[in-house]
Amino acid sequence: MTKNLLLAAIIVASSFSAFSQINRTIHDEDKDIDILYGFCTREALENHGDGWFKAEYESYTVKTETFNFELPEKFDSVQVFMGTWESNSRREVPRFCKIFDLDYFKDIPVTFICLDSKITVDVLNVDDYYVQFLPAIVFYKKGEELCRFLEQPRTESMESDIMDLMERMQ
């Protein structure tokens, strides 16, 4: 009984430790601003700073005509490496979120990892993910990286880049 109680206490304590690693705000000395740092939820991004997320999200119109929503094969997870201090992230991440609010993408888990101005974070080794430019939006299927978008869309829009990826998966 005591072993079970001790095990339960360790599990609870470790979950509090892991939870405290989510949605942290730190002061970035290089930029002299407060930034989100580490694993973050979308809600934390929406509420961070001067309203940059909401303004970009609301002003962006998703080009739904770009998508073929009948395609059966799609990626199964996405990681977004970003900086809340960085202009490309402030522009592209709210747009990405608005696209992923479409019903077609709602079941795909997205993980947000906020980096400091040195492109580092203490919750994982960024070098293992080859992140040099922000945002880096990385698409996965069965644990394998399919492709990544860096800084801005490669074509005329993020929608057409996503559609290109989805067509190549078929």
N, C-alpha and C. Protein backbone atom coordinates (compact mmCIF):
# COMPACT_ATOMS: atom_id res chain seq x y z
N MET A 1 0.83 -1.20 0.00
CA MET A 1 0.00 0.00 0.00
C MET A 1 0.86 1.25 0.00
N THR A 2 1.92 1.26 0.82
CA THR A 2 2.79 2.44 0.87
C THR A 2 3.51 2.66 -0.45
N LYS A 3 3.87 1.57 -1.15
CA LYS A 3 4.53 1.71 -2.45
C LYS A 3 3.58 2.38 -3.44
N ASN A 4 2.32 1.95 -3.43
CA ASN A 4 1.33 2.54 -4.33
C ASN A 4 1.11 4.02 -4.02
N LEU A 5 1.07 4.35 -2.74
CA LEU A 5 0.89 5.73 -2.33
C LEU A 5 2.09 6.58 -2.74
N LEU A 6 3.29 6.03 -2.56
CA LEU A 6 4.51 6.73 -2.97
C LEU A 6 4.54 6.92 -4.48
N LEU A 7 4.19 5.89 -5.23
CA LEU A 7 4.14 5.98 -6.69
C LEU A 7 3.13 7.04 -7.13
N ALA A 8 1.98 7.06 -6.52
CA ALA A 8 0.96 8.06 -6.85
C ALA A 8 1.46 9.47 -6.55
N ALA A 9 2.16 9.65 -5.43
CA ALA A 9 2.71 10.96 -5.08
C ALA A 9 3.75 11.40 -6.10
N ILE A 10 4.59 10.48 -6.57
CA ILE A 10 5.61 10.82 -7.57
C ILE A 10 4.95 11.22 -8.89
N ILE A 11 3.92 10.49 -9.29
CA ILE A 11 3.21 10.81 -10.54
C ILE A 11 2.57 12.18 -10.44
N VAL A 12 1.91 12.48 -9.35
CA VAL A 12 1.28 13.78 -9.16
C VAL A 12 2.33 14.89 -9.16
N ALA A 13 3.42 14.69 -8.45
CA ALA A 13 4.48 15.71 -8.39
C ALA A 13 5.10 15.95 -9.75
N SER A 14 5.33 14.89 -10.52
CA SER A 14 5.93 15.07 -11.84
C SER A 14 4.97 15.74 -12.80
N SER A 15 3.67 15.49 -12.64
CA SER A 15 2.71 16.15 -13.53
C SER A 15 2.65 17.65 -13.23
N PHE A 16 2.79 18.04 -11.94
CA PHE A 16 2.85 19.46 -11.63
C PHE A 16 4.10 20.08 -12.24
N SER A 17 5.20 19.38 -12.20
CA SER A 17 6.45 19.87 -12.78
C SER A 17 6.30 20.05 -14.29
N ALA A 18 5.71 19.05 -14.96
CA ALA A 18 5.51 19.15 -16.40
C ALA A 18 4.55 20.28 -16.74
N PHE A 19 3.48 20.42 -15.94
CA PHE A 19 2.50 21.47 -16.19
C PHE A 19 3.13 22.85 -16.06
N SER A 20 4.05 23.01 -15.12
CA SER A 20 4.68 24.31 -14.92
C SER A 20 5.56 24.70 -16.10
N GLN A 21 5.85 23.75 -16.99
CA GLN A 21 6.67 24.03 -18.16
C GLN A 21 5.83 24.56 -19.33
N ILE A 22 4.54 24.67 -19.16
CA ILE A 22 3.65 25.13 -20.22
C ILE A 22 3.30 26.60 -20.01
N ASN A 23 3.31 27.36 -21.11
CA ASN A 23 2.88 28.77 -21.10
C ASN A 23 3.72 29.65 -20.19
N ARG A 24 5.01 29.40 -20.12
CA ARG A 24 5.88 30.25 -19.32
C ARG A 24 6.18 31.55 -20.04
N THR A 25 6.30 32.58 -19.29
CA THR A 25 6.75 33.87 -19.80
C THR A 25 8.09 34.17 -19.16
N ILE A 26 9.05 34.57 -19.98
CA ILE A 26 10.36 34.97 -19.47
C ILE A 26 10.71 36.33 -20.04
N HIS A 27 11.69 36.98 -19.46
CA HIS A 27 12.19 38.24 -19.99
C HIS A 27 13.39 37.93 -20.87
N ASP A 28 13.29 38.24 -22.15
CA ASP A 28 14.39 38.03 -23.08
C ASP A 28 15.31 39.23 -22.99
N GLU A 29 16.49 39.00 -22.47
CA GLU A 29 17.45 40.09 -22.25
C GLU A 29 17.89 40.73 -23.57
N ASP A 30 18.07 39.92 -24.62
CA ASP A 30 18.53 40.47 -25.91
C ASP A 30 17.50 41.42 -26.52
N LYS A 31 16.24 41.10 -26.38
CA LYS A 31 15.16 41.93 -26.95
C LYS A 31 14.59 42.90 -25.92
N ASP A 32 14.89 42.67 -24.66
CA ASP A 32 14.38 43.47 -23.54
C ASP A 32 12.84 43.51 -23.53
N ILE A 33 12.24 42.33 -23.74
CA ILE A 33 10.79 42.18 -23.69
C ILE A 33 10.44 40.86 -23.03
N ASP A 34 9.18 40.75 -22.58
CA ASP A 34 8.68 39.49 -22.06
C ASP A 34 8.14 38.67 -23.22
N ILE A 35 8.52 37.38 -23.26
CA ILE A 35 8.12 36.49 -24.35
C ILE A 35 7.56 35.20 -23.77
N LEU A 36 6.76 34.50 -24.57
CA LEU A 36 6.37 33.14 -24.22
C LEU A 36 7.57 32.26 -24.50
N TYR A 37 7.73 31.21 -23.66
CA TYR A 37 8.93 30.39 -23.74
C TYR A 37 8.60 28.95 -23.42
N GLY A 38 9.02 28.04 -24.28
CA GLY A 38 8.77 26.62 -24.08
C GLY A 38 7.49 26.18 -24.76
N PHE A 39 6.92 25.09 -24.26
CA PHE A 39 5.66 24.60 -24.82
C PHE A 39 4.54 25.56 -24.44
N CYS A 40 3.73 25.93 -25.43
CA CYS A 40 2.65 26.88 -25.21
C CYS A 40 1.37 26.37 -25.84
N THR A 41 0.28 26.77 -25.27
CA THR A 41 -1.02 26.47 -25.85
C THR A 41 -1.41 27.59 -26.80
N ARG A 42 -2.35 27.29 -27.64
CA ARG A 42 -2.86 28.32 -28.54
C ARG A 42 -3.48 29.47 -27.73
N GLU A 43 -4.16 29.13 -26.65
CA GLU A 43 -4.78 30.16 -25.82
C GLU A 43 -3.74 31.13 -25.27
N ALA A 44 -2.58 30.63 -24.90
CA ALA A 44 -1.51 31.51 -24.41
C ALA A 44 -1.05 32.45 -25.51
N LEU A 45 -0.95 31.94 -26.73
CA LEU A 45 -0.57 32.80 -27.86
C LEU A 45 -1.62 33.88 -28.09
N GLU A 46 -2.89 33.48 -28.04
CA GLU A 46 -3.98 34.42 -28.27
C GLU A 46 -3.98 35.55 -27.25
N ASN A 47 -3.54 35.27 -26.04
CA ASN A 47 -3.60 36.26 -24.96
C ASN A 47 -2.27 36.95 -24.67
N HIS A 48 -1.25 36.64 -25.44
CA HIS A 48 0.07 37.19 -25.17
C HIS A 48 0.24 38.60 -25.75
N GLY A 49 0.84 39.45 -24.97
CA GLY A 49 1.30 40.75 -25.47
C GLY A 49 0.21 41.74 -25.83
N ASP A 50 0.47 42.45 -26.90
CA ASP A 50 -0.33 43.61 -27.28
C ASP A 50 -1.49 43.29 -28.23
N GLY A 51 -1.91 42.03 -28.31
CA GLY A 51 -3.02 41.66 -29.18
C GLY A 51 -2.61 41.33 -30.60
N TRP A 52 -1.32 41.09 -30.82
CA TRP A 52 -0.82 40.80 -32.16
C TRP A 52 -1.50 39.58 -32.78
N PHE A 53 -1.74 38.53 -31.98
CA PHE A 53 -2.36 37.31 -32.51
C PHE A 53 -3.76 37.60 -33.02
N LYS A 54 -4.57 38.21 -32.18
CA LYS A 54 -5.97 38.48 -32.54
C LYS A 54 -6.07 39.38 -33.77
N ALA A 55 -5.25 40.40 -33.83
CA ALA A 55 -5.30 41.34 -34.96
C ALA A 55 -4.99 40.63 -36.28
N GLU A 56 -3.95 39.82 -36.30
CA GLU A 56 -3.58 39.11 -37.53
C GLU A 56 -4.60 38.03 -37.86
N TYR A 57 -5.06 37.31 -36.86
CA TYR A 57 -6.04 36.25 -37.06
C TYR A 57 -7.32 36.82 -37.68
N GLU A 58 -7.82 37.89 -37.13
CA GLU A 58 -9.08 38.46 -37.60
C GLU A 58 -8.95 39.12 -38.97
N SER A 59 -7.79 39.65 -39.30
CA SER A 59 -7.65 40.32 -40.59
C SER A 59 -7.37 39.35 -41.74
N TYR A 60 -7.03 38.11 -41.43
CA TYR A 60 -6.68 37.15 -42.48
C TYR A 60 -7.92 36.41 -42.98
N THR A 61 -8.03 36.27 -44.30
CA THR A 61 -9.11 35.52 -44.92
C THR A 61 -8.53 34.24 -45.50
N VAL A 62 -9.01 33.11 -45.02
CA VAL A 62 -8.53 31.81 -45.50
C VAL A 62 -9.04 31.59 -46.92
N LYS A 63 -8.14 31.14 -47.77
CA LYS A 63 -8.47 30.86 -49.17
C LYS A 63 -8.96 29.41 -49.27
N THR A 64 -10.20 29.18 -48.83
CA THR A 64 -10.74 27.82 -48.78
C THR A 64 -10.85 27.20 -50.17
N GLU A 65 -10.98 28.01 -51.21
CA GLU A 65 -11.09 27.48 -52.56
C GLU A 65 -9.82 26.76 -53.00
N THR A 66 -8.73 26.96 -52.29
CA THR A 66 -7.46 26.31 -52.60
C THR A 66 -7.48 24.82 -52.26
N PHE A 67 -8.29 24.44 -51.28
CA PHE A 67 -8.25 23.08 -50.75
C PHE A 67 -9.18 22.13 -51.47
N ASN A 68 -8.72 20.88 -51.58
CA ASN A 68 -9.56 19.78 -52.00
C ASN A 68 -9.84 18.97 -50.74
N PHE A 69 -10.97 19.21 -50.12
CA PHE A 69 -11.31 18.58 -48.85
C PHE A 69 -11.70 17.12 -49.00
N GLU A 70 -11.65 16.59 -50.20
CA GLU A 70 -11.98 15.18 -50.44
C GLU A 70 -10.76 14.28 -50.34
N LEU A 71 -9.57 14.85 -50.26
CA LEU A 71 -8.36 14.03 -50.20
C LEU A 71 -8.37 13.18 -48.93
N PRO A 72 -8.19 11.87 -49.06
CA PRO A 72 -8.29 11.00 -47.89
C PRO A 72 -7.05 11.03 -47.00
N GLU A 73 -5.90 11.24 -47.57
CA GLU A 73 -4.64 11.14 -46.83
C GLU A 73 -4.19 12.53 -46.40
N LYS A 74 -3.93 12.69 -45.10
CA LYS A 74 -3.38 13.95 -44.62
C LYS A 74 -2.37 13.67 -43.52
N PHE A 75 -1.60 14.66 -43.20
CA PHE A 75 -0.59 14.53 -42.14
C PHE A 75 -1.30 14.33 -40.82
N ASP A 76 -0.55 13.83 -39.81
CA ASP A 76 -1.23 13.52 -38.55
C ASP A 76 -0.79 14.35 -37.36
N SER A 77 0.22 15.20 -37.52
CA SER A 77 0.60 16.14 -36.45
C SER A 77 1.47 17.25 -37.02
N VAL A 78 1.54 18.33 -36.27
CA VAL A 78 2.32 19.50 -36.69
C VAL A 78 3.02 20.08 -35.46
N GLN A 79 4.28 20.49 -35.65
CA GLN A 79 5.00 21.24 -34.62
C GLN A 79 5.28 22.62 -35.18
N VAL A 80 5.03 23.63 -34.35
CA VAL A 80 5.28 25.01 -34.75
C VAL A 80 6.34 25.58 -33.81
N PHE A 81 7.52 25.82 -34.36
CA PHE A 81 8.60 26.49 -33.63
C PHE A 81 8.50 27.96 -33.98
N MET A 82 8.42 28.81 -32.96
CA MET A 82 8.16 30.21 -33.21
C MET A 82 8.76 31.09 -32.13
N GLY A 83 8.73 32.38 -32.36
CA GLY A 83 9.12 33.35 -31.35
C GLY A 83 8.05 34.41 -31.25
N THR A 84 7.55 34.65 -30.06
CA THR A 84 6.49 35.67 -29.90
C THR A 84 7.07 37.07 -30.07
N TRP A 85 8.36 37.19 -30.15
CA TRP A 85 9.08 38.45 -30.34
C TRP A 85 9.35 38.73 -31.82
N GLU A 86 9.08 37.77 -32.69
CA GLU A 86 9.58 37.79 -34.05
C GLU A 86 8.46 38.06 -35.06
N SER A 87 8.70 38.97 -36.02
CA SER A 87 7.65 39.45 -36.92
C SER A 87 7.07 38.37 -37.83
N ASN A 88 7.89 37.47 -38.38
CA ASN A 88 7.35 36.42 -39.24
C ASN A 88 6.42 35.49 -38.46
N SER A 89 6.80 35.16 -37.23
CA SER A 89 5.94 34.32 -36.38
C SER A 89 4.64 35.03 -36.06
N ARG A 90 4.72 36.31 -35.78
CA ARG A 90 3.52 37.08 -35.45
C ARG A 90 2.57 37.19 -36.63
N ARG A 91 3.09 37.10 -37.84
CA ARG A 91 2.25 37.14 -39.03
C ARG A 91 1.75 35.74 -39.40
N GLU A 92 2.63 34.77 -39.50
CA GLU A 92 2.28 33.46 -40.06
C GLU A 92 1.55 32.53 -39.09
N VAL A 93 1.87 32.56 -37.80
CA VAL A 93 1.25 31.63 -36.87
C VAL A 93 -0.26 31.90 -36.70
N PRO A 94 -0.70 33.13 -36.55
CA PRO A 94 -2.16 33.34 -36.50
C PRO A 94 -2.86 32.90 -37.79
N ARG A 95 -2.20 33.11 -38.94
CA ARG A 95 -2.77 32.66 -40.21
C ARG A 95 -2.87 31.13 -40.24
N PHE A 96 -1.80 30.48 -39.82
CA PHE A 96 -1.80 29.02 -39.74
C PHE A 96 -2.94 28.54 -38.85
N CYS A 97 -3.10 29.17 -37.69
CA CYS A 97 -4.17 28.77 -36.77
C CYS A 97 -5.55 28.95 -37.39
N LYS A 98 -5.73 30.01 -38.13
CA LYS A 98 -7.04 30.24 -38.76
C LYS A 98 -7.31 29.17 -39.81
N ILE A 99 -6.28 28.77 -40.56
CA ILE A 99 -6.44 27.68 -41.53
C ILE A 99 -6.79 26.39 -40.79
N PHE A 100 -6.11 26.13 -39.69
CA PHE A 100 -6.34 24.89 -38.95
C PHE A 100 -7.62 24.90 -38.13
N ASP A 101 -8.33 26.01 -38.13
CA ASP A 101 -9.65 26.04 -37.53
C ASP A 101 -10.71 25.47 -38.47
N LEU A 102 -10.36 25.24 -39.73
CA LEU A 102 -11.28 24.59 -40.65
C LEU A 102 -11.57 23.18 -40.15
N ASP A 103 -12.79 22.73 -40.29
CA ASP A 103 -13.19 21.40 -39.81
C ASP A 103 -12.26 20.30 -40.31
N TYR A 104 -11.79 20.41 -41.53
CA TYR A 104 -10.94 19.38 -42.14
C TYR A 104 -9.66 19.13 -41.33
N PHE A 105 -9.14 20.16 -40.67
CA PHE A 105 -7.87 20.05 -39.96
C PHE A 105 -8.03 19.93 -38.44
N LYS A 106 -9.25 20.06 -37.92
CA LYS A 106 -9.45 20.15 -36.47
C LYS A 106 -8.94 18.95 -35.68
N ASP A 107 -8.87 17.78 -36.28
CA ASP A 107 -8.43 16.59 -35.54
C ASP A 107 -6.91 16.41 -35.55
N ILE A 108 -6.18 17.30 -36.17
CA ILE A 108 -4.72 17.18 -36.25
C ILE A 108 -4.09 17.95 -35.09
N PRO A 109 -3.36 17.25 -34.21
CA PRO A 109 -2.74 17.94 -33.07
C PRO A 109 -1.60 18.86 -33.51
N VAL A 110 -1.56 20.03 -32.90
CA VAL A 110 -0.52 21.02 -33.18
C VAL A 110 0.18 21.34 -31.86
N THR A 111 1.52 21.28 -31.87
CA THR A 111 2.33 21.62 -30.71
C THR A 111 3.06 22.92 -30.99
N PHE A 112 2.92 23.88 -30.09
CA PHE A 112 3.60 25.17 -30.23
C PHE A 112 4.80 25.20 -29.28
N ILE A 113 5.97 25.51 -29.82
CA ILE A 113 7.20 25.63 -29.03
C ILE A 113 7.75 27.03 -29.26
N CYS A 114 7.74 27.84 -28.21
CA CYS A 114 8.19 29.23 -28.30
C CYS A 114 9.65 29.33 -27.89
N LEU A 115 10.44 29.93 -28.76
CA LEU A 115 11.87 30.04 -28.56
C LEU A 115 12.26 31.47 -28.20
N ASP A 116 13.45 31.61 -27.62
CA ASP A 116 13.96 32.95 -27.33
C ASP A 116 14.68 33.51 -28.55
N SER A 117 15.23 34.70 -28.43
CA SER A 117 15.85 35.36 -29.58
C SER A 117 17.17 34.71 -30.02
N LYS A 118 17.67 33.78 -29.22
CA LYS A 118 18.86 33.01 -29.62
C LYS A 118 18.45 31.70 -30.29
N ILE A 119 17.14 31.52 -30.54
CA ILE A 119 16.57 30.31 -31.13
C ILE A 119 16.88 29.09 -30.25
N THR A 120 16.69 29.25 -28.95
CA THR A 120 16.89 28.16 -28.01
C THR A 120 15.69 28.08 -27.07
N VAL A 121 15.61 26.94 -26.40
CA VAL A 121 14.58 26.72 -25.40
C VAL A 121 15.09 25.61 -24.49
N ASP A 122 14.64 25.60 -23.25
CA ASP A 122 15.17 24.61 -22.31
C ASP A 122 14.36 23.32 -22.23
N VAL A 123 13.25 23.21 -22.94
CA VAL A 123 12.42 22.01 -22.85
C VAL A 123 12.81 20.93 -23.87
N LEU A 124 13.62 21.29 -24.85
CA LEU A 124 14.12 20.33 -25.82
C LEU A 124 15.34 20.91 -26.51
N ASN A 125 16.08 20.04 -27.19
CA ASN A 125 17.26 20.48 -27.93
C ASN A 125 16.83 20.89 -29.33
N VAL A 126 16.80 22.18 -29.59
CA VAL A 126 16.34 22.71 -30.87
C VAL A 126 17.21 22.20 -32.02
N ASP A 127 18.49 21.98 -31.76
CA ASP A 127 19.38 21.47 -32.80
C ASP A 127 18.93 20.12 -33.35
N ASP A 128 18.28 19.31 -32.51
CA ASP A 128 17.78 18.00 -32.96
C ASP A 128 16.69 18.17 -34.02
N TYR A 129 16.07 19.34 -34.06
CA TYR A 129 14.98 19.60 -35.01
C TYR A 129 15.43 20.49 -36.18
N TYR A 130 16.69 20.85 -36.21
CA TYR A 130 17.27 21.65 -37.29
C TYR A 130 16.50 22.95 -37.52
N VAL A 131 16.19 23.63 -36.44
CA VAL A 131 15.46 24.90 -36.53
C VAL A 131 16.47 26.04 -36.54
N GLN A 132 16.44 26.81 -37.62
CA GLN A 132 17.31 27.98 -37.74
C GLN A 132 16.52 29.24 -38.07
N PHE A 133 15.34 29.05 -38.66
CA PHE A 133 14.50 30.18 -39.08
C PHE A 133 13.13 30.03 -38.45
N LEU A 134 12.50 31.18 -38.14
CA LEU A 134 11.19 31.17 -37.50
C LEU A 134 10.18 31.94 -38.32
N PRO A 135 8.93 31.48 -38.29
CA PRO A 135 8.53 30.22 -37.69
C PRO A 135 8.98 29.05 -38.57
N ALA A 136 9.12 27.91 -37.95
CA ALA A 136 9.35 26.64 -38.64
C ALA A 136 8.13 25.78 -38.33
N ILE A 137 7.32 25.54 -39.33
CA ILE A 137 6.10 24.74 -39.17
C ILE A 137 6.38 23.38 -39.81
N VAL A 138 6.42 22.34 -38.97
CA VAL A 138 6.88 21.02 -39.41
C VAL A 138 5.70 20.05 -39.40
N PHE A 139 5.47 19.42 -40.55
CA PHE A 139 4.36 18.49 -40.74
C PHE A 139 4.87 17.05 -40.67
N TYR A 140 4.13 16.19 -39.94
CA TYR A 140 4.53 14.80 -39.73
C TYR A 140 3.42 13.84 -40.14
N LYS A 141 3.86 12.65 -40.56
CA LYS A 141 2.95 11.52 -40.80
C LYS A 141 3.62 10.29 -40.21
N LYS A 142 2.96 9.65 -39.24
CA LYS A 142 3.49 8.46 -38.56
C LYS A 142 4.90 8.70 -38.01
N GLY A 143 5.11 9.89 -37.44
CA GLY A 143 6.38 10.21 -36.80
C GLY A 143 7.48 10.65 -37.74
N GLU A 144 7.25 10.62 -39.04
CA GLU A 144 8.24 11.02 -40.03
C GLU A 144 7.93 12.43 -40.53
N GLU A 145 8.96 13.24 -40.61
CA GLU A 145 8.76 14.59 -41.13
C GLU A 145 8.46 14.52 -42.63
N LEU A 146 7.38 15.19 -43.04
CA LEU A 146 7.01 15.26 -44.44
C LEU A 146 7.62 16.49 -45.10
N CYS A 147 7.49 17.62 -44.43
CA CYS A 147 8.06 18.87 -44.94
C CYS A 147 7.96 19.92 -43.85
N ARG A 148 8.56 21.06 -44.13
CA ARG A 148 8.47 22.18 -43.20
C ARG A 148 8.36 23.48 -43.99
N PHE A 149 7.64 24.41 -43.39
CA PHE A 149 7.54 25.76 -43.95
C PHE A 149 8.40 26.65 -43.08
N LEU A 150 9.23 27.46 -43.69
CA LEU A 150 10.15 28.33 -42.96
C LEU A 150 9.86 29.79 -43.26
N GLU A 151 9.68 30.56 -42.24
CA GLU A 151 9.51 32.02 -42.28
C GLU A 151 8.24 32.50 -42.95
N GLN A 152 7.96 32.01 -44.15
CA GLN A 152 6.78 32.46 -44.89
C GLN A 152 6.43 31.42 -45.95
N PRO A 153 5.25 31.53 -46.56
CA PRO A 153 4.90 30.55 -47.59
C PRO A 153 5.91 30.55 -48.74
N ARG A 154 6.11 29.37 -49.29
CA ARG A 154 7.01 29.19 -50.43
C ARG A 154 6.34 29.66 -51.72
N THR A 155 5.02 29.51 -51.79
CA THR A 155 4.25 29.92 -52.97
C THR A 155 3.47 31.18 -52.61
N GLU A 156 2.35 31.40 -53.28
CA GLU A 156 1.57 32.61 -53.03
C GLU A 156 0.82 32.62 -51.70
N SER A 157 0.65 31.43 -51.08
CA SER A 157 -0.07 31.39 -49.80
C SER A 157 0.25 30.11 -49.03
N MET A 158 0.01 30.15 -47.74
CA MET A 158 0.18 28.96 -46.92
C MET A 158 -0.81 27.87 -47.34
N GLU A 159 -2.00 28.29 -47.75
CA GLU A 159 -2.99 27.33 -48.20
C GLU A 159 -2.48 26.52 -49.39
N SER A 160 -1.88 27.18 -50.37
CA SER A 160 -1.39 26.45 -51.54
C SER A 160 -0.20 25.56 -51.17
N ASP A 161 0.63 25.98 -50.23
CA ASP A 161 1.73 25.12 -49.76
C ASP A 161 1.19 23.87 -49.07
N ILE A 162 0.16 24.04 -48.23
CA ILE A 162 -0.44 22.90 -47.54
C ILE A 162 -1.09 21.96 -48.56
N MET A 163 -1.79 22.53 -49.54
CA MET A 163 -2.44 21.71 -50.56
C MET A 163 -1.41 20.95 -51.37
N ASP A 164 -0.31 21.58 -51.70
CA ASP A 164 0.77 20.91 -52.43
C ASP A 164 1.27 19.70 -51.63
N LEU A 165 1.48 19.88 -50.34
CA LEU A 165 1.92 18.78 -49.47
C LEU A 165 0.89 17.66 -49.48
N MET A 166 -0.37 18.01 -49.34
CA MET A 166 -1.42 17.00 -49.27
C MET A 166 -1.53 16.23 -50.60
N GLU A 167 -1.38 16.91 -51.72
CA GLU A 167 -1.44 16.23 -53.02
C GLU A 167 -0.27 15.27 -53.19
N ARG A 168 0.90 15.65 -52.70
CA ARG A 168 2.07 14.77 -52.81
C ARG A 168 1.92 13.54 -51.92
N MET A 169 1.09 13.60 -50.90
CA MET A 169 0.89 12.46 -50.00
C MET A 169 -0.03 11.40 -50.59
N GLN A 170 -0.82 11.74 -51.59
CA GLN A 170 -1.83 10.82 -52.13
C GLN A 170 -1.20 9.70 -52.92
